[in-house]
C-alpha atoms as a PDB file:
ATOM      1  CA  MET A   1       0.000   0.000   0.000  1.00  0.00           C
ATOM      2  CA  ILE A   2       1.305   3.447  -0.944  1.00  0.00           C
ATOM      3  CA  TYR A   3       0.729   6.432   1.340  1.00  0.00           C
ATOM      4  CA  ILE A   4       1.337  10.104   0.522  1.00  0.00           C
ATOM      5  CA  SER A   5       2.860  12.351   3.164  1.00  0.00           C
ATOM      6  CA  THR A   6       1.195  15.704   3.734  1.00  0.00           C
ATOM      7  CA  CYS A   7       4.730  17.091   3.400  1.00  0.00           C
ATOM      8  CA  CYS A   8       4.744  16.257  -0.316  1.00  0.00           C
ATOM      9  CA  LEU A   9       2.482  19.005  -1.567  1.00  0.00           C
ATOM     10  CA  ARG A  10       3.844  22.446  -2.410  1.00  0.00           C
ATOM     11  CA  ASP A  11       2.663  25.165   0.038  1.00  0.00           C
ATOM     12  CA  ASN A  12       1.894  22.625   2.733  1.00  0.00           C
ATOM     13  CA  ARG A  13       1.816  24.565   6.001  1.00  0.00           C
ATOM     14  CA  ASP A  14      -1.992  24.550   6.203  1.00  0.00           C
ATOM     15  CA  ILE A  15      -2.989  20.942   6.901  1.00  0.00           C
ATOM     16  CA  LEU A  16      -6.645  21.553   5.978  1.00  0.00           C
ATOM     17  CA  ARG A  17      -5.668  22.833   2.523  1.00  0.00           C
ATOM     18  CA  VAL A  18      -3.437  19.812   1.904  1.00  0.00           C
ATOM     19  CA  LEU A  19      -6.137  17.351   2.913  1.00  0.00           C
ATOM     20  CA  GLN A  20      -8.702  19.094   0.718  1.00  0.00           C
ATOM     21  CA  VAL A  21      -6.374  18.897  -2.293  1.00  0.00           C
ATOM     22  CA  TYR A  22      -5.674  15.214  -1.603  1.00  0.00           C
ATOM     23  CA  GLU A  23      -9.361  14.441  -1.220  1.00  0.00           C
ATOM     24  CA  GLU A  24     -10.243  16.196  -4.485  1.00  0.00           C
ATOM     25  CA  ALA A  25      -7.450  14.262  -6.242  1.00  0.00           C
ATOM     26  CA  GLY A  26      -8.772  10.913  -4.997  1.00  0.00           C
ATOM     27  CA  ILE A  27      -5.841  10.086  -2.698  1.00  0.00           C
ATOM     28  CA  LYS A  28      -6.932   7.593  -0.025  1.00  0.00           C
ATOM     29  CA  ASN A  29      -3.832   6.825   2.077  1.00  0.00           C
ATOM     30  CA  VAL A  30      -2.242   9.759   3.922  1.00  0.00           C
ATOM     31  CA  GLU A  31       0.648  10.175   6.349  1.00  0.00           C
ATOM     32  CA  LEU A  32       0.218  13.241   8.556  1.00  0.00           C
ATOM     33  CA  GLY A  33       3.671  14.851   8.503  1.00  0.00           C
ATOM     34  CA  SER A  34       5.775  17.268  10.501  1.00  0.00           C
ATOM     35  CA  VAL A  35       5.664  20.570   8.580  1.00  0.00           C
ATOM     36  CA  HIS A  36       2.281  22.008   9.515  1.00  0.00           C
ATOM     37  CA  THR A  37       1.267  24.980  11.626  1.00  0.00           C
ATOM     38  CA  TYR A  38      -0.690  24.494  14.832  1.00  0.00           C
ATOM     39  CA  PHE A  39      -4.437  23.945  14.537  1.00  0.00           C
ATOM     40  CA  PRO A  40      -6.603  23.448  17.647  1.00  0.00           C
ATOM     41  CA  ASN A  41      -9.444  21.331  16.260  1.00  0.00           C
ATOM     42  CA  LEU A  42      -8.086  17.826  15.634  1.00  0.00           C
ATOM     43  CA  ASP A  43     -11.621  16.570  15.045  1.00  0.00           C
ATOM     44  CA  ILE A  44     -11.419  18.139  11.589  1.00  0.00           C
ATOM     45  CA  LEU A  45      -9.320  15.136  10.541  1.00  0.00           C
ATOM     46  CA  LEU A  46     -12.431  12.990  10.933  1.00  0.00           C
ATOM     47  CA  ASP A  47     -14.188  15.012   8.221  1.00  0.00           C
ATOM     48  CA  PHE A  48     -12.071  13.174   5.652  1.00  0.00           C
ATOM     49  CA  ASN A  49     -12.298   9.508   4.708  1.00  0.00           C
ATOM     50  CA  PHE A  50      -8.538   8.816   4.628  1.00  0.00           C
ATOM     51  CA  ASN A  51      -6.536   5.857   5.845  1.00  0.00           C
ATOM     52  CA  TYR A  52      -4.159   7.734   8.151  1.00  0.00           C
ATOM     53  CA  LEU A  53      -0.679   7.235   9.556  1.00  0.00           C
ATOM     54  CA  ILE A  54       0.970   9.770  11.903  1.00  0.00           C
ATOM     55  CA  HIS A  55       4.601  10.843  11.729  1.00  0.00           C
ATOM     56  CA  ASN A  56       6.887  12.557  14.247  1.00  0.00           C
ATOM     57  CA  TYR A  57       5.924  16.174  15.069  1.00  0.00           C
ATOM     58  CA  PHE A  58       2.188  15.690  14.656  1.00  0.00           C
ATOM     59  CA  PRO A  59      -0.119  16.927  15.988  1.00  0.00           C
ATOM     60  CA  PRO A  60       1.856  20.213  15.918  1.00  0.00           C
ATOM     61  CA  SER A  61       2.277  21.970  19.251  1.00  0.00           C
ATOM     62  CA  LYS A  62       0.983  25.473  19.908  1.00  0.00           C
ATOM     63  CA  GLU A  63       4.468  26.429  21.114  1.00  0.00           C
ATOM     64  CA  SER A  64       6.991  24.824  18.778  1.00  0.00           C
ATOM     65  CA  PHE A  65      10.054  22.926  20.007  1.00  0.00           C
ATOM     66  CA  ASN A  66      12.465  20.358  18.586  1.00  0.00           C
ATOM     67  CA  PHE A  67      11.222  16.873  19.415  1.00  0.00           C
ATOM     68  CA  ASN A  68      14.021  14.922  21.146  1.00  0.00           C
ATOM     69  CA  LEU A  69      13.305  11.827  23.210  1.00  0.00           C
ATOM     70  CA  ALA A  70      17.000  11.642  24.200  1.00  0.00           C
ATOM     71  CA  SER A  71      17.227  15.178  25.569  1.00  0.00           C
ATOM     72  CA  LYS A  72      19.093  15.796  28.808  1.00  0.00           C
ATOM     73  CA  ASN A  73      16.916  18.876  29.194  1.00  0.00           C
ATOM     74  CA  GLN A  74      14.045  17.620  31.333  1.00  0.00           C
ATOM     75  CA  ASP A  75      11.575  20.134  29.912  1.00  0.00           C
ATOM     76  CA  ILE A  76      12.264  19.123  26.293  1.00  0.00           C
ATOM     77  CA  LYS A  77      12.209  15.416  27.142  1.00  0.00           C
ATOM     78  CA  ILE A  78       8.832  15.705  28.893  1.00  0.00           C
ATOM     79  CA  LYS A  79       7.417  17.801  26.042  1.00  0.00           C
ATOM     80  CA  SER A  80       8.606  15.161  23.574  1.00  0.00           C
ATOM     81  CA  ILE A  81       7.084  12.285  25.546  1.00  0.00           C
ATOM     82  CA  ASN A  82       3.808  14.175  25.892  1.00  0.00           C
ATOM     83  CA  LEU A  83       3.718  14.957  22.167  1.00  0.00           C
ATOM     84  CA  ALA A  84       4.224  11.263  21.415  1.00  0.00           C
ATOM     85  CA  LYS A  85       1.386  10.382  23.797  1.00  0.00           C
ATOM     86  CA  ARG A  86      -0.889  12.919  22.087  1.00  0.00           C
ATOM     87  CA  ALA A  87       0.037  11.383  18.740  1.00  0.00           C
ATOM     88  CA  ILE A  88      -0.828   7.912  20.062  1.00  0.00           C
ATOM     89  CA  ASP A  89      -4.164   9.201  21.398  1.00  0.00           C
ATOM     90  CA  LEU A  90      -4.841  10.730  17.981  1.00  0.00           C
ATOM     91  CA  CYS A  91      -3.938   7.431  16.288  1.00  0.00           C
ATOM     92  CA  LYS A  92      -6.689   5.765  18.273  1.00  0.00           C
ATOM     93  CA  LYS A  93      -9.145   8.533  17.430  1.00  0.00           C
ATOM     94  CA  ILE A  94      -8.552   8.589  13.655  1.00  0.00           C
ATOM     95  CA  ARG A  95      -7.877   4.838  13.365  1.00  0.00           C
ATOM     96  CA  SER A  96      -4.209   5.115  12.462  1.00  0.00           C
ATOM     97  CA  PRO A  97      -2.516   1.807  13.347  1.00  0.00           C
ATOM     98  CA  LEU A  98       0.943   3.360  13.680  1.00  0.00           C
ATOM     99  CA  TYR A  99       2.897   6.368  14.946  1.00  0.00           C
ATOM    100  CA  SER A 100       6.448   6.885  13.668  1.00  0.00           C
ATOM    101  CA  PHE A 101       9.093   9.257  15.031  1.00  0.00           C
ATOM    102  CA  HIS A 102      12.752  10.179  14.746  1.00  0.00           C
ATOM    103  CA  ALA A 103      15.485   8.697  16.914  1.00  0.00           C
ATOM    104  CA  GLY A 104      17.014  11.050  19.471  1.00  0.00           C
ATOM    105  CA  PHE A 105      19.939  13.479  19.375  1.00  0.00           C
ATOM    106  CA  ARG A 106      22.912  13.931  21.708  1.00  0.00           C
ATOM    107  CA  LEU A 107      22.138  17.647  21.909  1.00  0.00           C
ATOM    108  CA  ASP A 108      19.080  19.829  21.370  1.00  0.00           C
ATOM    109  CA  PRO A 109      19.389  21.550  17.976  1.00  0.00           C
ATOM    110  CA  LEU A 110      18.028  25.052  17.544  1.00  0.00           C
ATOM    111  CA  ARG A 111      16.908  24.212  13.995  1.00  0.00           C
ATOM    112  CA  LEU A 112      16.777  20.942  12.130  1.00  0.00           C
ATOM    113  CA  GLY A 113      18.531  20.809   8.771  1.00  0.00           C
ATOM    114  CA  GLU A 114      21.306  23.136   9.910  1.00  0.00           C
ATOM    115  CA  LYS A 115      24.608  22.738  11.766  1.00  0.00           C
ATOM    116  CA  PHE A 116      23.994  21.432  15.279  1.00  0.00           C
ATOM    117  CA  VAL A 117      25.562  23.547  18.027  1.00  0.00           C
ATOM    118  CA  GLY A 118      25.690  23.006  21.774  1.00  0.00           C
ATOM    119  CA  ASN A 119      27.081  20.634  24.360  1.00  0.00           C
ATOM    120  CA  ILE A 120      27.149  17.057  23.061  1.00  0.00           C
ATOM    121  CA  ILE A 121      26.369  14.614  25.857  1.00  0.00           C
ATOM    122  CA  PRO A 122      28.107  11.215  25.943  1.00  0.00           C
ATOM    123  CA  TYR A 123      26.569   8.532  23.749  1.00  0.00           C
ATOM    124  CA  ASP A 124      25.854   6.162  26.665  1.00  0.00           C
ATOM    125  CA  GLU A 125      23.960   8.887  28.518  1.00  0.00           C
ATOM    126  CA  ALA A 126      21.888   9.861  25.470  1.00  0.00           C
ATOM    127  CA  ILE A 127      20.967   6.295  24.526  1.00  0.00           C
ATOM    128  CA  SER A 128      19.968   5.590  28.134  1.00  0.00           C
ATOM    129  CA  ILE A 129      17.625   8.614  28.180  1.00  0.00           C
ATOM    130  CA  PHE A 130      16.199   7.580  24.816  1.00  0.00           C
ATOM    131  CA  GLU A 131      15.571   4.046  26.059  1.00  0.00           C
ATOM    132  CA  GLU A 132      13.829   5.352  29.175  1.00  0.00           C
ATOM    133  CA  SER A 133      11.571   7.602  27.077  1.00  0.00           C
ATOM    134  CA  LEU A 134      10.792   4.776  24.644  1.00  0.00           C
ATOM    135  CA  ARG A 135       9.755   2.371  27.380  1.00  0.00           C
ATOM    136  CA  ILE A 136       7.202   4.933  28.583  1.00  0.00           C
ATOM    137  CA  ILE A 137       5.863   5.459  25.061  1.00  0.00           C
ATOM    138  CA  CYS A 138       5.872   1.766  24.114  1.00  0.00           C
ATOM    139  CA  ASN A 139       3.852   0.824  27.175  1.00  0.00           C
ATOM    140  CA  TYR A 140       1.426   3.688  26.516  1.00  0.00           C
ATOM    141  CA  ALA A 141       0.957   2.618  22.892  1.00  0.00           C
ATOM    142  CA  LYS A 142       0.707  -1.083  23.707  1.00  0.00           C
ATOM    143  CA  ALA A 143      -2.239  -0.407  26.019  1.00  0.00           C
ATOM    144  CA  VAL A 144      -4.250   0.931  23.053  1.00  0.00           C
ATOM    145  CA  ASN A 145      -2.886  -1.480  20.423  1.00  0.00           C
ATOM    146  CA  ILE A 146      -0.872   1.094  18.447  1.00  0.00           C
ATOM    147  CA  LYS A 147       2.411   0.204  16.737  1.00  0.00           C
ATOM    148  CA  LEU A 148       5.464   2.458  16.919  1.00  0.00           C
ATOM    149  CA  ALA A 149       8.239   2.899  14.366  1.00  0.00           C
ATOM    150  CA  ILE A 150      11.582   4.605  15.004  1.00  0.00           C
ATOM    151  CA  GLU A 151      13.096   6.421  12.034  1.00  0.00           C
ATOM    152  CA  PRO A 152      16.916   6.168  12.055  1.00  0.00           C
ATOM    153  CA  ASN A 153      18.537   9.583  11.836  1.00  0.00           C
ATOM    154  CA  VAL A 154      20.183  10.955   8.705  1.00  0.00           C
ATOM    155  CA  VAL A 155      23.892  11.718   9.066  1.00  0.00           C
ATOM    156  CA  SER A 156      25.114  14.580   6.897  1.00  0.00           C
ATOM    157  CA  ALA A 157      28.073  16.992   6.852  1.00  0.00           C
ATOM    158  CA  PHE A 158      26.829  19.232   9.663  1.00  0.00           C
ATOM    159  CA  ASN A 159      26.041  16.524  12.220  1.00  0.00           C
ATOM    160  CA  VAL A 160      28.814  13.955  11.723  1.00  0.00           C
ATOM    161  CA  ILE A 161      31.854  13.993  14.009  1.00  0.00           C
ATOM    162  CA  ASP A 162      33.822  11.477  11.956  1.00  0.00           C
ATOM    163  CA  GLU A 163      33.222   8.185  10.147  1.00  0.00           C
ATOM    164  CA  THR A 164      32.799   6.387  13.470  1.00  0.00           C
ATOM    165  CA  ASP A 165      30.795   8.920  15.467  1.00  0.00           C
ATOM    166  CA  SER A 166      27.754  11.131  15.087  1.00  0.00           C
ATOM    167  CA  ILE A 167      25.741  13.610  17.121  1.00  0.00           C
ATOM    168  CA  LEU A 168      22.724  11.463  16.308  1.00  0.00           C
ATOM    169  CA  LEU A 169      21.467   8.163  17.718  1.00  0.00           C
ATOM    170  CA  LEU A 170      20.590   5.062  15.693  1.00  0.00           C
ATOM    171  CA  THR A 171      22.514   5.596  12.470  1.00  0.00           C
ATOM    172  CA  ARG A 172      24.201   2.190  11.900  1.00  0.00           C
ATOM    173  CA  GLU A 173      22.687  -1.220  11.281  1.00  0.00           C
ATOM    174  CA  GLU A 174      24.381  -3.001  14.189  1.00  0.00           C
ATOM    175  CA  GLU A 175      23.504  -0.184  16.618  1.00  0.00           C
ATOM    176  CA  ILE A 176      19.861  -0.201  15.555  1.00  0.00           C
ATOM    177  CA  SER A 177      19.467  -3.989  15.685  1.00  0.00           C
ATOM    178  CA  SER A 178      21.087  -4.194  19.112  1.00  0.00           C
ATOM    179  CA  PHE A 179      18.901  -1.413  20.491  1.00  0.00           C
ATOM    180  CA  LEU A 180      15.635  -2.959  19.252  1.00  0.00           C
ATOM    181  CA  SER A 181      16.629  -6.385  20.555  1.00  0.00           C
ATOM    182  CA  LYS A 182      17.343  -4.909  23.974  1.00  0.00           C
ATOM    183  CA  LEU A 183      13.937  -3.231  24.221  1.00  0.00           C
ATOM    184  CA  ALA A 184      12.118  -6.280  22.813  1.00  0.00           C
ATOM    185  CA  TYR A 185       8.679  -4.717  22.410  1.00  0.00           C
ATOM    186  CA  ASP A 186       6.534  -6.444  19.819  1.00  0.00           C
ATOM    187  CA  ASN A 187       4.794  -3.140  18.977  1.00  0.00           C
ATOM    188  CA  LEU A 188       8.123  -1.385  18.235  1.00  0.00           C
ATOM    189  CA  GLY A 189       9.804  -1.523  14.828  1.00  0.00           C
ATOM    190  CA  LEU A 190      11.426   0.772  12.287  1.00  0.00           C
ATOM    191  CA  LEU A 191      10.535   3.362   9.730  1.00  0.00           C
ATOM    192  CA  LEU A 192      13.227   2.739   7.122  1.00  0.00           C
ATOM    193  CA  ASP A 193      13.864   5.944   5.184  1.00  0.00           C
ATOM    194  CA  ILE A 194      15.402   5.258   1.780  1.00  0.00           C
ATOM    195  CA  GLY A 195      16.579   8.834   1.258  1.00  0.00           C
ATOM    196  CA  HIS A 196      18.197   9.012   4.697  1.00  0.00           C
ATOM    197  CA  THR A 197      19.981   5.730   4.046  1.00  0.00           C
ATOM    198  CA  GLN A 198      21.605   7.159   0.908  1.00  0.00           C
ATOM    199  CA  VAL A 199      23.012  10.199   2.727  1.00  0.00           C
ATOM    200  CA  SER A 200      24.123   8.390   5.902  1.00  0.00           C
ATOM    201  CA  ALA A 201      25.873   5.710   3.845  1.00  0.00           C
ATOM    202  CA  ASN A 202      27.895   8.410   2.126  1.00  0.00           C
ATOM    203  CA  PHE A 203      29.135  10.073   5.309  1.00  0.00           C
ATOM    204  CA  LEU A 204      29.508   6.994   7.528  1.00  0.00           C
ATOM    205  CA  LYS A 205      31.020   4.921   4.692  1.00  0.00           C
ATOM    206  CA  PHE A 206      28.739   1.896   4.882  1.00  0.00           C
ATOM    207  CA  ASP A 207      27.019  -0.082   2.139  1.00  0.00           C
ATOM    208  CA  LYS A 208      23.474   1.255   1.760  1.00  0.00           C
ATOM    209  CA  ASP A 209      22.146  -2.037   0.370  1.00  0.00           C
ATOM    210  CA  ILE A 210      23.527  -4.045   3.287  1.00  0.00           C
ATOM    211  CA  PHE A 211      22.063  -1.505   5.746  1.00  0.00           C
ATOM    212  CA  PHE A 212      18.611  -1.527   4.156  1.00  0.00           C
ATOM    213  CA  ASP A 213      18.425  -5.275   3.543  1.00  0.00           C
ATOM    214  CA  GLY A 214      19.708  -6.057   7.032  1.00  0.00           C
ATOM    215  CA  LEU A 215      17.005  -3.991   8.734  1.00  0.00           C
ATOM    216  CA  LEU A 216      14.076  -4.656   6.395  1.00  0.00           C
ATOM    217  CA  SER A 217      12.667  -7.477   8.523  1.00  0.00           C
ATOM    218  CA  ARG A 218      12.261  -4.992  11.397  1.00  0.00           C
ATOM    219  CA  ALA A 219      10.504  -2.361   9.280  1.00  0.00           C
ATOM    220  CA  PHE A 220       6.858  -1.502   9.886  1.00  0.00           C
ATOM    221  CA  VAL A 221       6.874   1.218   7.215  1.00  0.00           C
ATOM    222  CA  ILE A 222       9.096   2.753   4.492  1.00  0.00           C
ATOM    223  CA  HIS A 223       9.764   6.387   3.491  1.00  0.00           C
ATOM    224  CA  ILE A 224      10.850   6.999  -0.100  1.00  0.00           C
ATOM    225  CA  HIS A 225      12.291  10.162  -1.670  1.00  0.00           C
ATOM    226  CA  ASP A 226      15.482  11.007  -3.547  1.00  0.00           C
ATOM    227  CA  ASN A 227      18.636  13.102  -3.088  1.00  0.00           C
ATOM    228  CA  ASN A 228      22.214  13.550  -4.302  1.00  0.00           C
ATOM    229  CA  SER A 229      23.602  11.357  -1.438  1.00  0.00           C
ATOM    230  CA  VAL A 230      25.108  14.498   0.142  1.00  0.00           C
ATOM    231  CA  ASP A 231      22.069  16.485   1.314  1.00  0.00           C
ATOM    232  CA  ASP A 232      18.693  15.294   2.576  1.00  0.00           C
ATOM    233  CA  GLN A 233      16.848  17.038  -0.251  1.00  0.00           C
ATOM    234  CA  HIS A 234      13.552  15.114  -0.366  1.00  0.00           C
ATOM    235  CA  LEU A 235      13.509  15.270  -4.150  1.00  0.00           C
ATOM    236  CA  ALA A 236      11.003  13.703  -6.504  1.00  0.00           C
ATOM    237  CA  LEU A 237      11.774  10.205  -7.754  1.00  0.00           C
ATOM    238  CA  ASN A 238      13.046   9.450 -11.240  1.00  0.00           C
ATOM    239  CA  LYS A 239      13.552   6.232 -13.186  1.00  0.00           C
ATOM    240  CA  SER A 240      17.128   5.837 -11.900  1.00  0.00           C
ATOM    241  CA  SER A 241      16.337   6.476  -8.210  1.00  0.00           C
ATOM    242  CA  TRP A 242      18.035   3.875  -6.002  1.00  0.00           C
ATOM    243  CA  GLY A 243      14.932   3.589  -3.849  1.00  0.00           C
ATOM    244  CA  LEU A 244      12.911   2.172  -6.725  1.00  0.00           C
ATOM    245  CA  TYR A 245      15.227  -0.858  -6.763  1.00  0.00           C
ATOM    246  CA  LYS A 246      14.373  -1.494  -3.102  1.00  0.00           C
ATOM    247  CA  VAL A 247      10.571  -1.172  -3.143  1.00  0.00           C
ATOM    248  CA  ARG A 248      10.191  -4.498  -4.935  1.00  0.00           C
ATOM    249  CA  TYR A 249      11.216  -6.110  -1.617  1.00  0.00           C
ATOM    250  CA  CYS A 250       8.628  -4.108   0.348  1.00  0.00           C
ATOM    251  CA  LYS A 251       5.380  -5.436  -1.096  1.00  0.00           C
ATOM    252  CA  ASN A 252       3.889  -6.224   2.315  1.00  0.00           C
ATOM    253  CA  ILE A 253       5.061  -3.007   3.992  1.00  0.00           C
ATOM    254  CA  PRO A 254       3.354   0.398   3.664  1.00  0.00           C
ATOM    255  CA  ILE A 255       5.465   2.695   1.464  1.00  0.00           C
ATOM    256  CA  ILE A 256       5.159   6.435   2.066  1.00  0.00           C
ATOM    257  CA  LEU A 257       6.130   8.981  -0.566  1.00  0.00           C
ATOM    258  CA  GLU A 258       7.942  11.839   1.235  1.00  0.00           C
ATOM    259  CA  SER A 259       9.341  13.872  -1.654  1.00  0.00           C
ATOM    260  CA  GLN A 260       8.586  17.559  -1.116  1.00  0.00           C
ATOM    261  CA  ASN A 261       7.533  20.664  -3.026  1.00  0.00           C
ATOM    262  CA  LEU A 262       5.470  18.691  -5.553  1.00  0.00           C
ATOM    263  CA  SER A 263       2.357  19.549  -7.505  1.00  0.00           C
ATOM    264  CA  ILE A 264      -0.508  17.067  -7.351  1.00  0.00           C
ATOM    265  CA  GLN A 265       0.413  15.966 -10.887  1.00  0.00           C
ATOM    266  CA  GLN A 266       3.995  15.256  -9.788  1.00  0.00           C
ATOM    267  CA  ILE A 267       2.724  13.277  -6.811  1.00  0.00           C
ATOM    268  CA  PHE A 268       0.813  10.958  -9.142  1.00  0.00           C
ATOM    269  CA  LYS A 269       3.874  10.568 -11.413  1.00  0.00           C
ATOM    270  CA  ASN A 270       5.845   9.453  -8.339  1.00  0.00           C
ATOM    271  CA  ILE A 271       3.091   7.028  -7.357  1.00  0.00           C
ATOM    272  CA  ASP A 272       3.256   5.517 -10.858  1.00  0.00           C
ATOM    273  CA  LEU A 273       7.027   5.088 -10.566  1.00  0.00           C
ATOM    274  CA  ILE A 274       6.650   3.237  -7.256  1.00  0.00           C
ATOM    275  CA  GLU A 275       3.827   1.013  -8.499  1.00  0.00           C
ATOM    276  CA  ASN A 276       5.722   0.134 -11.689  1.00  0.00           C
ATOM    277  CA  ASN A 277       8.701  -1.077  -9.651  1.00  0.00           C
ATOM    278  CA  MET A 278       6.882  -3.148  -7.057  1.00  0.00           C
END
C-alpha cells in the first residue's frame, strides 16, 4: 500500500488545505507529517475519509520545540514524551494503526537541517535517556494497540563527528538492531527511510544495500524520496532512483512517498514510478 505524506504538496503549512487537495485528487492513504502549523481542532481530521498514519511532530504543538526523546533537558524530554502520547491518542481517534518518530539526538538543535551547536552529551547517557523515554511510550501505545516505528537519523556533513561517530542516535545497522533487541517490544519496529539511508551511507562509509536489507525485517513502514547522497533534499523520484530498486522487496510493507515541493500531478507521477517497480 502506498501512502502520501502531507509534506509532499507544495505550500503545505496549512494541513486543511493539503487534505482538501488530496481528497479532491482521490488520494486515499495519507501520512500526517511534521511541517504544519498548529491547529486546535483535531476533530477536523475525521471530516475526511482517509486511511491515516501519523509521523513525528504531529499533531503540531501550539508552542513549537524540537522533538528529542534523548534530551538531557528535562523540559524538552517531557514535552517530547507528551507529544508522542498525544500522537498515540490521535492514532486511536482517527484509526491510524501506527505512529512513527525520529530517533534522538545527543544535543538539542536550535533548527533541524542546519549545523547542530551546543554541548554534546556522551553517547551512553543519550541512549539511556532515549531508552527510558521509549519504554514509557511503548507501554502507553501497547495499552491501546498502536504500533510504533523509530526512524533512524540521517547523518550529513553538519552533524557527523567522523566516520565512526555522530551527534545522532541510531545511524548504523548493528547499533539499531542491538537497540531494538534490547527493548524487545513487539509493537516497536522501524521506519526505514530510503533517502536518509543514501546520505548516511555516504558520510559513515557503509554499504546502503547491506544496511537496508539487514534492517528490512524490522521495518513496519518505508519512506521513499530522492537526493544527491550528500544532502537530505527530499527530491522527486526518477527512473534511476536507487529507492525504486528497493521497493520491490517491500510489497507487504506500507510505502510512504515523502518527496517535497510537488504539484498534485507530480505526486501521481511518483506514485506511478513506485507502483511500476513493485
